[in-house]
Amino acid sequence: MEERRRSRRVEVHSAELTLLSLSTTVQVLDISLAGVLLQSSRPVQAGASGCLRLSLGGTPFSADVTVKRVVPSGSLAGGYRLGVTFVVISPEHRQVIERFTSQ
């Protein structure tokens, strides 16, 4: 069979972890210092990790999260509810959540 690729592929032998992230839009249902409950139109596997980026009261916020629970939303619109926990959040972002939740 004739090779049709424009460039040669080389097999990689490495023990390094490689991640392919998937971007999806979610709706924040509630938030606490421990984590967030999200509504998603797409299922996500429990144990998946990612970066959550949003605006809380006009303040940019981002944190690494891990999906702990995925359940069908039960609404007529369908979708899934994702229970995610923060892996690590900075003291500044912790303060953003505290200010937002105390309003």
PDB file of N, CA and C in Angstrom:
ATOM      1  N   MET A   1       0.846  -1.176   0.000  1.00  0.00           N
ATOM      2  CA  MET A   1       0.000   0.000   0.000  1.00  0.00           C
ATOM      3  C   MET A   1       0.892   1.240   0.000  1.00  0.00           C
ATOM      4  N   GLU A   2       0.566   2.193  -0.830  1.00  0.00           N
ATOM      5  CA  GLU A   2       1.355   3.410  -0.951  1.00  0.00           C
ATOM      6  C   GLU A   2       1.047   4.382   0.187  1.00  0.00           C
ATOM      7  N   GLU A   3       2.087   4.971   0.751  1.00  0.00           N
ATOM      8  CA  GLU A   3       1.948   5.955   1.830  1.00  0.00           C
ATOM      9  C   GLU A   3       1.392   7.255   1.261  1.00  0.00           C
ATOM     10  N   ARG A   4       0.305   7.788   1.876  1.00  0.00           N
ATOM     11  CA  ARG A   4      -0.316   9.014   1.375  1.00  0.00           C
ATOM     12  C   ARG A   4      -0.083  10.207   2.308  1.00  0.00           C
ATOM     13  N   ARG A   5       0.543   9.981   3.450  1.00  0.00           N
ATOM     14  CA  ARG A   5       0.792  11.086   4.374  1.00  0.00           C
ATOM     15  C   ARG A   5       1.808  12.047   3.791  1.00  0.00           C
ATOM     16  N   ARG A   6       1.679  13.314   4.163  1.00  0.00           N
ATOM     17  CA  ARG A   6       2.636  14.313   3.692  1.00  0.00           C
ATOM     18  C   ARG A   6       3.904  14.310   4.528  1.00  0.00           C
ATOM     19  N   SER A   7       3.773  13.877   5.784  1.00  0.00           N
ATOM     20  CA  SER A   7       4.963  13.796   6.630  1.00  0.00           C
ATOM     21  C   SER A   7       4.989  12.445   7.321  1.00  0.00           C
ATOM     22  N   ARG A   8       6.171  12.017   7.676  1.00  0.00           N
ATOM     23  CA  ARG A   8       6.388  10.706   8.266  1.00  0.00           C
ATOM     24  C   ARG A   8       5.939  10.697   9.728  1.00  0.00           C
ATOM     25  N   ARG A   9       5.286   9.645  10.150  1.00  0.00           N
ATOM     26  CA  ARG A   9       4.914   9.472  11.551  1.00  0.00           C
ATOM     27  C   ARG A   9       5.997   8.685  12.248  1.00  0.00           C
ATOM     28  N   VAL A  10       6.256   9.062  13.495  1.00  0.00           N
ATOM     29  CA  VAL A  10       7.262   8.384  14.296  1.00  0.00           C
ATOM     30  C   VAL A  10       6.596   7.926  15.585  1.00  0.00           C
ATOM     31  N   GLU A  11       6.755   6.656  15.917  1.00  0.00           N
ATOM     32  CA  GLU A  11       6.192   6.118  17.144  1.00  0.00           C
ATOM     33  C   GLU A  11       6.909   6.727  18.339  1.00  0.00           C
ATOM     34  N   VAL A  12       6.139   7.119  19.365  1.00  0.00           N
ATOM     35  CA  VAL A  12       6.698   7.740  20.560  1.00  0.00           C
ATOM     36  C   VAL A  12       6.718   6.716  21.678  1.00  0.00           C
ATOM     37  N   HIS A  13       7.877   6.512  22.267  1.00  0.00           N
ATOM     38  CA  HIS A  13       8.036   5.615  23.409  1.00  0.00           C
ATOM     39  C   HIS A  13       8.374   6.476  24.608  1.00  0.00           C
ATOM     40  N   SER A  14       7.349   6.835  25.367  1.00  0.00           N
ATOM     41  CA  SER A  14       7.563   7.738  26.487  1.00  0.00           C
ATOM     42  C   SER A  14       6.636   7.363  27.624  1.00  0.00           C
ATOM     43  N   ALA A  15       7.098   7.587  28.833  1.00  0.00           N
ATOM     44  CA  ALA A  15       6.283   7.320  30.010  1.00  0.00           C
ATOM     45  C   ALA A  15       5.546   8.580  30.456  1.00  0.00           C
ATOM     46  N   GLU A  16       5.714   9.678  29.733  1.00  0.00           N
ATOM     47  CA  GLU A  16       5.062  10.919  30.107  1.00  0.00           C
ATOM     48  C   GLU A  16       3.563  10.826  29.858  1.00  0.00           C
ATOM     49  N   LEU A  17       2.806  11.482  30.743  1.00  0.00           N
ATOM     50  CA  LEU A  17       1.361  11.521  30.625  1.00  0.00           C
ATOM     51  C   LEU A  17       0.967  12.578  29.607  1.00  0.00           C
ATOM     52  N   THR A  18       0.086  12.231  28.711  1.00  0.00           N
ATOM     53  CA  THR A  18      -0.431  13.165  27.719  1.00  0.00           C
ATOM     54  C   THR A  18      -1.932  13.222  27.860  1.00  0.00           C
ATOM     55  N   LEU A  19      -2.475  14.426  27.894  1.00  0.00           N
ATOM     56  CA  LEU A  19      -3.909  14.599  28.048  1.00  0.00           C
ATOM     57  C   LEU A  19      -4.485  15.329  26.852  1.00  0.00           C
ATOM     58  N   LEU A  20      -5.636  14.890  26.412  1.00  0.00           N
ATOM     59  CA  LEU A  20      -6.386  15.586  25.392  1.00  0.00           C
ATOM     60  C   LEU A  20      -7.637  16.108  26.081  1.00  0.00           C
ATOM     61  N   SER A  21      -7.714  17.412  26.247  1.00  0.00           N
ATOM     62  CA  SER A  21      -8.849  17.961  26.981  1.00  0.00           C
ATOM     63  C   SER A  21     -10.012  18.230  26.044  1.00  0.00           C
ATOM     64  N   LEU A  22     -11.193  18.111  26.574  1.00  0.00           N
ATOM     65  CA  LEU A  22     -12.415  18.342  25.829  1.00  0.00           C
ATOM     66  C   LEU A  22     -13.103  19.554  26.435  1.00  0.00           C
ATOM     67  N   SER A  23     -13.401  20.520  25.628  1.00  0.00           N
ATOM     68  CA  SER A  23     -14.055  21.728  26.102  1.00  0.00           C
ATOM     69  C   SER A  23     -15.565  21.557  25.973  1.00  0.00           C
ATOM     70  N   THR A  24     -16.286  21.882  27.016  1.00  0.00           N
ATOM     71  CA  THR A  24     -17.739  21.799  26.977  1.00  0.00           C
ATOM     72  C   THR A  24     -18.319  22.924  27.818  1.00  0.00           C
ATOM     73  N   THR A  25     -19.461  23.417  27.424  1.00  0.00           N
ATOM     74  CA  THR A  25     -20.133  24.472  28.161  1.00  0.00           C
ATOM     75  C   THR A  25     -21.016  23.847  29.229  1.00  0.00           C
ATOM     76  N   VAL A  26     -20.959  24.408  30.418  1.00  0.00           N
ATOM     77  CA  VAL A  26     -21.764  23.919  31.533  1.00  0.00           C
ATOM     78  C   VAL A  26     -22.452  25.104  32.204  1.00  0.00           C
ATOM     79  N   GLN A  27     -23.476  24.801  32.973  1.00  0.00           N
ATOM     80  CA  GLN A  27     -24.158  25.811  33.778  1.00  0.00           C
ATOM     81  C   GLN A  27     -23.850  25.513  35.236  1.00  0.00           C
ATOM     82  N   VAL A  28     -23.445  26.528  35.977  1.00  0.00           N
ATOM     83  CA  VAL A  28     -23.166  26.364  37.403  1.00  0.00           C
ATOM     84  C   VAL A  28     -24.491  26.422  38.151  1.00  0.00           C
ATOM     85  N   LEU A  29     -24.799  25.351  38.898  1.00  0.00           N
ATOM     86  CA  LEU A  29     -26.026  25.306  39.681  1.00  0.00           C
ATOM     87  C   LEU A  29     -25.787  25.771  41.106  1.00  0.00           C
ATOM     88  N   ASP A  30     -24.673  25.350  41.696  1.00  0.00           N
ATOM     89  CA  ASP A  30     -24.282  25.870  43.003  1.00  0.00           C
ATOM     90  C   ASP A  30     -22.785  25.706  43.198  1.00  0.00           C
ATOM     91  N   ILE A  31     -22.247  26.463  44.152  1.00  0.00           N
ATOM     92  CA  ILE A  31     -20.802  26.459  44.384  1.00  0.00           C
ATOM     93  C   ILE A  31     -20.525  26.596  45.871  1.00  0.00           C
ATOM     94  N   SER A  32     -19.467  25.937  46.323  1.00  0.00           N
ATOM     95  CA  SER A  32     -19.004  26.054  47.706  1.00  0.00           C
ATOM     96  C   SER A  32     -17.484  26.009  47.685  1.00  0.00           C
ATOM     97  N   LEU A  33     -16.869  26.108  48.840  1.00  0.00           N
ATOM     98  CA  LEU A  33     -15.415  26.027  48.917  1.00  0.00           C
ATOM     99  C   LEU A  33     -14.896  24.640  48.551  1.00  0.00           C
ATOM    100  N   ALA A  34     -15.759  23.631  48.626  1.00  0.00           N
ATOM    101  CA  ALA A  34     -15.342  22.264  48.313  1.00  0.00           C
ATOM    102  C   ALA A  34     -15.478  21.927  46.837  1.00  0.00           C
ATOM    103  N   GLY A  35     -16.488  22.506  46.159  1.00  0.00           N
ATOM    104  CA  GLY A  35     -16.704  22.149  44.766  1.00  0.00           C
ATOM    105  C   GLY A  35     -17.900  22.833  44.156  1.00  0.00           C
ATOM    106  N   VAL A  36     -18.341  22.278  43.021  1.00  0.00           N
ATOM    107  CA  VAL A  36     -19.389  22.907  42.221  1.00  0.00           C
ATOM    108  C   VAL A  36     -20.336  21.831  41.697  1.00  0.00           C
ATOM    109  N   LEU A  37     -21.621  22.179  41.617  1.00  0.00           N
ATOM    110  CA  LEU A  37     -22.591  21.326  40.941  1.00  0.00           C
ATOM    111  C   LEU A  37     -22.858  21.972  39.585  1.00  0.00           C
ATOM    112  N   LEU A  38     -22.631  21.191  38.525  1.00  0.00           N
ATOM    113  CA  LEU A  38     -22.753  21.706  37.165  1.00  0.00           C
ATOM    114  C   LEU A  38     -23.850  20.975  36.410  1.00  0.00           C
ATOM    115  N   GLN A  39     -24.466  21.659  35.462  1.00  0.00           N
ATOM    116  CA  GLN A  39     -25.416  21.061  34.529  1.00  0.00           C
ATOM    117  C   GLN A  39     -24.727  21.015  33.177  1.00  0.00           C
ATOM    118  N   SER A  40     -24.742  19.851  32.529  1.00  0.00           N
ATOM    119  CA  SER A  40     -24.084  19.683  31.235  1.00  0.00           C
ATOM    120  C   SER A  40     -25.004  18.936  30.284  1.00  0.00           C
ATOM    121  N   SER A  41     -24.931  19.285  29.013  1.00  0.00           N
ATOM    122  CA  SER A  41     -25.711  18.547  28.017  1.00  0.00           C
ATOM    123  C   SER A  41     -25.004  17.257  27.616  1.00  0.00           C
ATOM    124  N   ARG A  42     -23.725  17.157  27.975  1.00  0.00           N
ATOM    125  CA  ARG A  42     -22.921  15.985  27.608  1.00  0.00           C
ATOM    126  C   ARG A  42     -22.503  15.219  28.862  1.00  0.00           C
ATOM    127  N   PRO A  43     -22.496  13.896  28.797  1.00  0.00           N
ATOM    128  CA  PRO A  43     -22.001  13.132  29.942  1.00  0.00           C
ATOM    129  C   PRO A  43     -20.483  13.254  30.041  1.00  0.00           C
ATOM    130  N   VAL A  44     -19.991  13.244  31.243  1.00  0.00           N
ATOM    131  CA  VAL A  44     -18.554  13.263  31.509  1.00  0.00           C
ATOM    132  C   VAL A  44     -18.274  12.106  32.446  1.00  0.00           C
ATOM    133  N   GLN A  45     -17.189  11.444  32.247  1.00  0.00           N
ATOM    134  CA  GLN A  45     -16.847  10.271  33.061  1.00  0.00           C
ATOM    135  C   GLN A  45     -16.422  10.693  34.469  1.00  0.00           C
ATOM    136  N   ALA A  46     -16.957  10.019  35.487  1.00  0.00           N
ATOM    137  CA  ALA A  46     -16.497  10.251  36.855  1.00  0.00           C
ATOM    138  C   ALA A  46     -15.010   9.952  36.901  1.00  0.00           C
ATOM    139  N   GLY A  47     -14.258  10.814  37.559  1.00  0.00           N
ATOM    140  CA  GLY A  47     -12.812  10.670  37.631  1.00  0.00           C
ATOM    141  C   GLY A  47     -12.090  11.570  36.640  1.00  0.00           C
ATOM    142  N   ALA A  48     -12.839  12.125  35.672  1.00  0.00           N
ATOM    143  CA  ALA A  48     -12.222  13.038  34.697  1.00  0.00           C
ATOM    144  C   ALA A  48     -11.771  14.310  35.395  1.00  0.00           C
ATOM    145  N   SER A  49     -10.700  14.890  34.896  1.00  0.00           N
ATOM    146  CA  SER A  49     -10.173  16.138  35.456  1.00  0.00           C
ATOM    147  C   SER A  49     -10.209  17.216  34.391  1.00  0.00           C
ATOM    148  N   GLY A  50     -10.239  18.454  34.840  1.00  0.00           N
ATOM    149  CA  GLY A  50     -10.235  19.561  33.901  1.00  0.00           C
ATOM    150  C   GLY A  50     -10.034  20.868  34.626  1.00  0.00           C
ATOM    151  N   CYS A  51     -10.144  21.939  33.889  1.00  0.00           N
ATOM    152  CA  CYS A  51     -10.028  23.277  34.452  1.00  0.00           C
ATOM    153  C   CYS A  51     -11.363  23.980  34.261  1.00  0.00           C
ATOM    154  N   LEU A  52     -11.941  24.448  35.349  1.00  0.00           N
ATOM    155  CA  LEU A  52     -13.206  25.178  35.317  1.00  0.00           C
ATOM    156  C   LEU A  52     -12.895  26.663  35.290  1.00  0.00           C
ATOM    157  N   ARG A  53     -13.422  27.360  34.279  1.00  0.00           N
ATOM    158  CA  ARG A  53     -13.228  28.806  34.158  1.00  0.00           C
ATOM    159  C   ARG A  53     -14.592  29.471  34.130  1.00  0.00           C
ATOM    160  N   LEU A  54     -14.757  30.477  34.994  1.00  0.00           N
ATOM    161  CA  LEU A  54     -16.019  31.197  35.050  1.00  0.00           C
ATOM    162  C   LEU A  54     -15.808  32.571  35.656  1.00  0.00           C
ATOM    163  N   SER A  55     -16.883  33.327  35.750  1.00  0.00           N
ATOM    164  CA  SER A  55     -16.852  34.639  36.380  1.00  0.00           C
ATOM    165  C   SER A  55     -17.806  34.600  37.564  1.00  0.00           C
ATOM    166  N   LEU A  56     -17.306  34.935  38.740  1.00  0.00           N
ATOM    167  CA  LEU A  56     -18.134  34.972  39.944  1.00  0.00           C
ATOM    168  C   LEU A  56     -18.299  36.426  40.370  1.00  0.00           C
ATOM    169  N   GLY A  57     -19.488  36.954  40.197  1.00  0.00           N
ATOM    170  CA  GLY A  57     -19.725  38.343  40.566  1.00  0.00           C
ATOM    171  C   GLY A  57     -18.828  39.306  39.807  1.00  0.00           C
ATOM    172  N   GLY A  58     -18.499  38.966  38.557  1.00  0.00           N
ATOM    173  CA  GLY A  58     -17.650  39.824  37.740  1.00  0.00           C
ATOM    174  C   GLY A  58     -16.159  39.593  37.925  1.00  0.00           C
ATOM    175  N   THR A  59     -15.775  38.678  38.805  1.00  0.00           N
ATOM    176  CA  THR A  59     -14.369  38.366  39.048  1.00  0.00           C
ATOM    177  C   THR A  59     -14.007  37.060  38.343  1.00  0.00           C
ATOM    178  N   PRO A  60     -12.960  37.090  37.500  1.00  0.00           N
ATOM    179  CA  PRO A  60     -12.543  35.850  36.827  1.00  0.00           C
ATOM    180  C   PRO A  60     -12.096  34.798  37.847  1.00  0.00           C
ATOM    181  N   PHE A  61     -12.442  33.542  37.567  1.00  0.00           N
ATOM    182  CA  PHE A  61     -12.126  32.434  38.467  1.00  0.00           C
ATOM    183  C   PHE A  61     -11.742  31.234  37.625  1.00  0.00           C
ATOM    184  N   SER A  62     -10.694  30.549  38.022  1.00  0.00           N
ATOM    185  CA  SER A  62     -10.355  29.278  37.375  1.00  0.00           C
ATOM    186  C   SER A  62      -9.737  28.358  38.411  1.00  0.00           C
ATOM    187  N   ALA A  63     -10.054  27.085  38.274  1.00  0.00           N
ATOM    188  CA  ALA A  63      -9.521  26.097  39.210  1.00  0.00           C
ATOM    189  C   ALA A  63      -9.529  24.729  38.559  1.00  0.00           C
ATOM    190  N   ASP A  64      -8.572  23.910  38.921  1.00  0.00           N
ATOM    191  CA  ASP A  64      -8.553  22.522  38.475  1.00  0.00           C
ATOM    192  C   ASP A  64      -9.596  21.753  39.269  1.00  0.00           C
ATOM    193  N   VAL A  65     -10.357  20.917  38.567  1.00  0.00           N
ATOM    194  CA  VAL A  65     -11.436  20.161  39.200  1.00  0.00           C
ATOM    195  C   VAL A  65     -11.369  18.697  38.792  1.00  0.00           C
ATOM    196  N   THR A  66     -12.009  17.857  39.604  1.00  0.00           N
ATOM    197  CA  THR A  66     -12.169  16.438  39.301  1.00  0.00           C
ATOM    198  C   THR A  66     -13.644  16.097  39.418  1.00  0.00           C
ATOM    199  N   VAL A  67     -14.172  15.385  38.429  1.00  0.00           N
ATOM    200  CA  VAL A  67     -15.571  14.974  38.440  1.00  0.00           C
ATOM    201  C   VAL A  67     -15.721  13.796  39.401  1.00  0.00           C
ATOM    202  N   LYS A  68     -16.587  13.958  40.392  1.00  0.00           N
ATOM    203  CA  LYS A  68     -16.801  12.908  41.380  1.00  0.00           C
ATOM    204  C   LYS A  68     -18.090  12.124  41.146  1.00  0.00           C
ATOM    205  N   ARG A  69     -19.095  12.814  40.556  1.00  0.00           N
ATOM    206  CA  ARG A  69     -20.400  12.166  40.403  1.00  0.00           C
ATOM    207  C   ARG A  69     -21.070  12.676  39.144  1.00  0.00           C
ATOM    208  N   VAL A  70     -21.731  11.779  38.408  1.00  0.00           N
ATOM    209  CA  VAL A  70     -22.476  12.134  37.198  1.00  0.00           C
ATOM    210  C   VAL A  70     -23.829  11.437  37.277  1.00  0.00           C
ATOM    211  N   VAL A  71     -24.907  12.217  37.210  1.00  0.00           N
ATOM    212  CA  VAL A  71     -26.258  11.638  37.233  1.00  0.00           C
ATOM    213  C   VAL A  71     -27.122  12.344  36.188  1.00  0.00           C
ATOM    214  N   PRO A  72     -28.076  11.613  35.598  1.00  0.00           N
ATOM    215  CA  PRO A  72     -29.013  12.278  34.684  1.00  0.00           C
ATOM    216  C   PRO A  72     -29.753  13.376  35.450  1.00  0.00           C
ATOM    217  N   SER A  73     -30.008  14.504  34.792  1.00  0.00           N
ATOM    218  CA  SER A  73     -30.596  15.645  35.497  1.00  0.00           C
ATOM    219  C   SER A  73     -32.046  15.419  35.891  1.00  0.00           C
ATOM    220  N   GLY A  74     -32.760  14.590  35.163  1.00  0.00           N
ATOM    221  CA  GLY A  74     -34.152  14.340  35.507  1.00  0.00           C
ATOM    222  C   GLY A  74     -35.098  15.415  35.001  1.00  0.00           C
ATOM    223  N   SER A  75     -34.587  16.444  34.356  1.00  0.00           N
ATOM    224  CA  SER A  75     -35.455  17.496  33.823  1.00  0.00           C
ATOM    225  C   SER A  75     -35.920  17.115  32.432  1.00  0.00           C
ATOM    226  N   LEU A  76     -36.939  17.818  31.947  1.00  0.00           N
ATOM    227  CA  LEU A  76     -37.445  17.553  30.599  1.00  0.00           C
ATOM    228  C   LEU A  76     -36.401  17.884  29.542  1.00  0.00           C
ATOM    229  N   ALA A  77     -35.523  18.836  29.836  1.00  0.00           N
ATOM    230  CA  ALA A  77     -34.487  19.218  28.876  1.00  0.00           C
ATOM    231  C   ALA A  77     -33.390  18.165  28.779  1.00  0.00           C
ATOM    232  N   GLY A  78     -33.340  17.256  29.739  1.00  0.00           N
ATOM    233  CA  GLY A  78     -32.304  16.217  29.731  1.00  0.00           C
ATOM    234  C   GLY A  78     -30.997  16.755  30.261  1.00  0.00           C
ATOM    235  N   GLY A  79     -29.936  16.090  29.921  1.00  0.00           N
ATOM    236  CA  GLY A  79     -28.625  16.508  30.373  1.00  0.00           C
ATOM    237  C   GLY A  79     -28.171  15.758  31.609  1.00  0.00           C
ATOM    238  N   TYR A  80     -27.095  16.245  32.176  1.00  0.00           N
ATOM    239  CA  TYR A  80     -26.462  15.569  33.299  1.00  0.00           C
ATOM    240  C   TYR A  80     -26.054  16.579  34.363  1.00  0.00           C
ATOM    241  N   ARG A  81     -26.094  16.138  35.591  1.00  0.00           N
ATOM    242  CA  ARG A  81     -25.577  16.937  36.696  1.00  0.00           C
ATOM    243  C   ARG A  81     -24.231  16.347  37.092  1.00  0.00           C
ATOM    244  N   LEU A  82     -23.235  17.231  37.176  1.00  0.00           N
ATOM    245  CA  LEU A  82     -21.873  16.816  37.485  1.00  0.00           C
ATOM    246  C   LEU A  82     -21.475  17.395  38.827  1.00  0.00           C
ATOM    247  N   GLY A  83     -21.143  16.544  39.757  1.00  0.00           N
ATOM    248  CA  GLY A  83     -20.600  16.989  41.036  1.00  0.00           C
ATOM    249  C   GLY A  83     -19.087  16.982  40.931  1.00  0.00           C
ATOM    250  N   VAL A  84     -18.471  18.154  40.993  1.00  0.00           N
ATOM    251  CA  VAL A  84     -17.020  18.239  40.852  1.00  0.00           C
ATOM    252  C   VAL A  84     -16.417  18.855  42.099  1.00  0.00           C
ATOM    253  N   THR A  85     -15.208  18.435  42.420  1.00  0.00           N
ATOM    254  CA  THR A  85     -14.490  19.008  43.557  1.00  0.00           C
ATOM    255  C   THR A  85     -13.259  19.751  43.049  1.00  0.00           C
ATOM    256  N   PHE A  86     -12.858  20.744  43.822  1.00  0.00           N
ATOM    257  CA  PHE A  86     -11.644  21.480  43.488  1.00  0.00           C
ATOM    258  C   PHE A  86     -10.437  20.638  43.864  1.00  0.00           C
ATOM    259  N   VAL A  87      -9.474  20.550  42.977  1.00  0.00           N
ATOM    260  CA  VAL A  87      -8.229  19.847  43.272  1.00  0.00           C
ATOM    261  C   VAL A  87      -7.399  20.746  44.186  1.00  0.00           C
ATOM    262  N   VAL A  88      -7.157  21.950  43.719  1.00  0.00           N
ATOM    263  CA  VAL A  88      -6.445  22.974  44.484  1.00  0.00           C
ATOM    264  C   VAL A  88      -6.986  24.319  44.025  1.00  0.00           C
ATOM    265  N   ILE A  89      -7.257  25.206  44.966  1.00  0.00           N
ATOM    266  CA  ILE A  89      -7.602  26.571  44.585  1.00  0.00           C
ATOM    267  C   ILE A  89      -6.698  27.518  45.351  1.00  0.00           C
ATOM    268  N   SER A  90      -6.369  28.616  44.708  1.00  0.00           N
ATOM    269  CA  SER A  90      -5.485  29.602  45.327  1.00  0.00           C
ATOM    270  C   SER A  90      -6.220  30.331  46.449  1.00  0.00           C
ATOM    271  N   PRO A  91      -5.482  30.915  47.383  1.00  0.00           N
ATOM    272  CA  PRO A  91      -6.128  31.705  48.442  1.00  0.00           C
ATOM    273  C   PRO A  91      -6.988  32.835  47.863  1.00  0.00           C
ATOM    274  N   GLU A  92      -6.542  33.426  46.751  1.00  0.00           N
ATOM    275  CA  GLU A  92      -7.317  34.509  46.127  1.00  0.00           C
ATOM    276  C   GLU A  92      -8.656  33.989  45.613  1.00  0.00           C
ATOM    277  N   HIS A  93      -8.640  32.843  44.965  1.00  0.00           N
ATOM    278  CA  HIS A  93      -9.886  32.279  44.448  1.00  0.00           C
ATOM    279  C   HIS A  93     -10.775  31.777  45.585  1.00  0.00           C
ATOM    280  N   ARG A  94     -10.179  31.325  46.659  1.00  0.00           N
ATOM    281  CA  ARG A  94     -10.959  30.941  47.847  1.00  0.00           C
ATOM    282  C   ARG A  94     -11.726  32.159  48.365  1.00  0.00           C
ATOM    283  N   GLN A  95     -11.057  33.313  48.397  1.00  0.00           N
ATOM    284  CA  GLN A  95     -11.708  34.547  48.840  1.00  0.00           C
ATOM    285  C   GLN A  95     -12.822  34.967  47.892  1.00  0.00           C
ATOM    286  N   VAL A  96     -12.633  34.755  46.596  1.00  0.00           N
ATOM    287  CA  VAL A  96     -13.677  35.080  45.612  1.00  0.00           C
ATOM    288  C   VAL A  96     -14.931  34.265  45.914  1.00  0.00           C
ATOM    289  N   ILE A  97     -14.754  32.960  46.167  1.00  0.00           N
ATOM    290  CA  ILE A  97     -15.908  32.097  46.491  1.00  0.00           C
ATOM    291  C   ILE A  97     -16.551  32.546  47.786  1.00  0.00           C
ATOM    292  N   GLU A  98     -15.756  32.835  48.806  1.00  0.00           N
ATOM    293  CA  GLU A  98     -16.309  33.269  50.093  1.00  0.00           C
ATOM    294  C   GLU A  98     -17.112  34.553  49.949  1.00  0.00           C
ATOM    295  N   ARG A  99     -16.582  35.518  49.186  1.00  0.00           N
ATOM    296  CA  ARG A  99     -17.328  36.776  48.973  1.00  0.00           C
ATOM    297  C   ARG A  99     -18.611  36.506  48.210  1.00  0.00           C
ATOM    298  N   PHE A 100     -18.549  35.664  47.176  1.00  0.00           N
ATOM    299  CA  PHE A 100     -19.721  35.368  46.357  1.00  0.00           C
ATOM    300  C   PHE A 100     -20.793  34.640  47.161  1.00  0.00           C
ATOM    301  N   THR A 101     -20.404  33.678  47.978  1.00  0.00           N
ATOM    302  CA  THR A 101     -21.396  32.884  48.726  1.00  0.00           C
ATOM    303  C   THR A 101     -21.948  33.598  49.953  1.00  0.00           C
ATOM    304  N   SER A 102     -21.296  34.681  50.375  1.00  0.00           N
ATOM    305  CA  SER A 102     -21.786  35.405  51.550  1.00  0.00           C
ATOM    306  C   SER A 102     -22.710  36.555  51.188  1.00  0.00           C
ATOM    307  N   GLN A 103     -22.970  36.761  49.899  1.00  0.00           N
ATOM    308  CA  GLN A 103     -23.843  37.867  49.469  1.00  0.00           C
ATOM    309  C   GLN A 103     -25.281  37.571  49.761  1.00  0.00           C
TER     310      GLN A 103
END
